[in-house]
Amino acid sequence: MVQQTRAVPGYKTMPILFYEDDHENFDRTQNNFASAVAEHVSRGWFDSRRKGEALGEGYQSRL
């Protein structure tokens, strides 16, 4: 996706950010975080609640 974006006619060098990505797979060699680092782009992690967690738990949960 990053390579496709950079190949768009008229693209100007600027930061690329993947915002609120909730796909983890940190135990795998290839995951969204590793891909972002390899392409020198920023990645924001979206942490809502996990199944069974209370309303106040999770990084971005309402209190």
C-alpha atoms as a PDB file:
ATOM      1  CA  MET A   1       0.000   0.000   0.000  1.00  0.00           C
ATOM      2  CA  VAL A   2       2.842   2.390   0.824  1.00  0.00           C
ATOM      3  CA  GLN A   3       4.609   1.652  -2.441  1.00  0.00           C
ATOM      4  CA  GLN A   4       1.359   2.145  -4.375  1.00  0.00           C
ATOM      5  CA  THR A   5       0.746   5.466  -2.618  1.00  0.00           C
ATOM      6  CA  ARG A   6       4.247   6.707  -3.352  1.00  0.00           C
ATOM      7  CA  ALA A   7       3.801   5.719  -7.025  1.00  0.00           C
ATOM      8  CA  VAL A   8       0.671   7.873  -7.508  1.00  0.00           C
ATOM      9  CA  PRO A   9       1.322  10.653 -10.048  1.00  0.00           C
ATOM     10  CA  GLY A  10       1.737  13.933  -8.201  1.00  0.00           C
ATOM     11  CA  TYR A  11       2.708  12.292  -4.912  1.00  0.00           C
ATOM     12  CA  LYS A  12       4.997  14.560  -2.908  1.00  0.00           C
ATOM     13  CA  THR A  13       7.369  13.296  -0.253  1.00  0.00           C
ATOM     14  CA  MET A  14       5.492  13.505   3.028  1.00  0.00           C
ATOM     15  CA  PRO A  15       4.920  11.368   6.122  1.00  0.00           C
ATOM     16  CA  ILE A  16       2.613   8.380   5.779  1.00  0.00           C
ATOM     17  CA  LEU A  17       0.718   7.241   8.854  1.00  0.00           C
ATOM     18  CA  PHE A  18      -1.387   4.146   9.358  1.00  0.00           C
ATOM     19  CA  TYR A  19      -3.759   5.244  12.091  1.00  0.00           C
ATOM     20  CA  GLU A  20      -5.655   3.013  14.517  1.00  0.00           C
ATOM     21  CA  ASP A  21      -4.466  -0.332  13.200  1.00  0.00           C
ATOM     22  CA  ASP A  22      -5.814  -3.142  15.380  1.00  0.00           C
ATOM     23  CA  HIS A  23      -4.096  -5.995  13.542  1.00  0.00           C
ATOM     24  CA  GLU A  24      -1.340  -7.242  15.826  1.00  0.00           C
ATOM     25  CA  ASN A  25       0.138 -10.655  14.954  1.00  0.00           C
ATOM     26  CA  PHE A  26       3.317  -9.646  16.778  1.00  0.00           C
ATOM     27  CA  ASP A  27       4.217 -13.314  17.134  1.00  0.00           C
ATOM     28  CA  ARG A  28       4.570 -13.628  13.338  1.00  0.00           C
ATOM     29  CA  THR A  29       7.603 -12.601  11.308  1.00  0.00           C
ATOM     30  CA  GLN A  30       5.437 -10.546   8.946  1.00  0.00           C
ATOM     31  CA  ASN A  31       2.892  -8.200  10.517  1.00  0.00           C
ATOM     32  CA  ASN A  32       1.641  -4.653   9.966  1.00  0.00           C
ATOM     33  CA  PHE A  33       4.133  -3.158  12.401  1.00  0.00           C
ATOM     34  CA  ALA A  34       7.121  -4.849  10.718  1.00  0.00           C
ATOM     35  CA  SER A  35       5.824  -3.764   7.305  1.00  0.00           C
ATOM     36  CA  ALA A  36       5.458  -0.146   8.441  1.00  0.00           C
ATOM     37  CA  VAL A  37       8.991  -0.079   9.856  1.00  0.00           C
ATOM     38  CA  ALA A  38      10.409  -1.622   6.655  1.00  0.00           C
ATOM     39  CA  GLU A  39       8.760   1.147   4.579  1.00  0.00           C
ATOM     40  CA  HIS A  40       9.755   3.919   7.031  1.00  0.00           C
ATOM     41  CA  VAL A  41       6.173   4.908   7.811  1.00  0.00           C
ATOM     42  CA  SER A  42       4.419   5.546  11.107  1.00  0.00           C
ATOM     43  CA  ARG A  43       1.825   3.215  12.567  1.00  0.00           C
ATOM     44  CA  GLY A  44      -0.686   4.012  15.298  1.00  0.00           C
ATOM     45  CA  TRP A  45      -1.965   1.074  17.307  1.00  0.00           C
ATOM     46  CA  PHE A  46      -5.655   0.939  18.151  1.00  0.00           C
ATOM     47  CA  ASP A  47      -6.277  -0.799  21.460  1.00  0.00           C
ATOM     48  CA  SER A  48      -9.927  -1.060  22.288  1.00  0.00           C
ATOM     49  CA  ARG A  49     -11.119  -3.563  24.829  1.00  0.00           C
ATOM     50  CA  ARG A  50     -10.513  -7.271  24.539  1.00  0.00           C
ATOM     51  CA  LYS A  51     -13.354  -9.745  24.806  1.00  0.00           C
ATOM     52  CA  GLY A  52     -14.450  -9.933  28.425  1.00  0.00           C
ATOM     53  CA  GLU A  53     -12.691  -6.723  29.554  1.00  0.00           C
ATOM     54  CA  ALA A  54     -14.641  -4.109  31.481  1.00  0.00           C
ATOM     55  CA  LEU A  55     -15.689  -0.787  29.908  1.00  0.00           C
ATOM     56  CA  GLY A  56     -12.819   1.122  31.571  1.00  0.00           C
ATOM     57  CA  GLU A  57     -10.111  -1.212  30.288  1.00  0.00           C
ATOM     58  CA  GLY A  58      -8.184  -0.764  27.063  1.00  0.00           C
ATOM     59  CA  TYR A  59      -6.011   2.116  25.923  1.00  0.00           C
ATOM     60  CA  GLN A  60      -8.708   4.066  24.085  1.00  0.00           C
ATOM     61  CA  SER A  61     -11.787   3.019  25.998  1.00  0.00           C
ATOM     62  CA  ARG A  62     -14.373   5.440  27.324  1.00  0.00           C
ATOM     63  CA  LEU A  63     -14.389   5.796  31.083  1.00  0.00           C
END
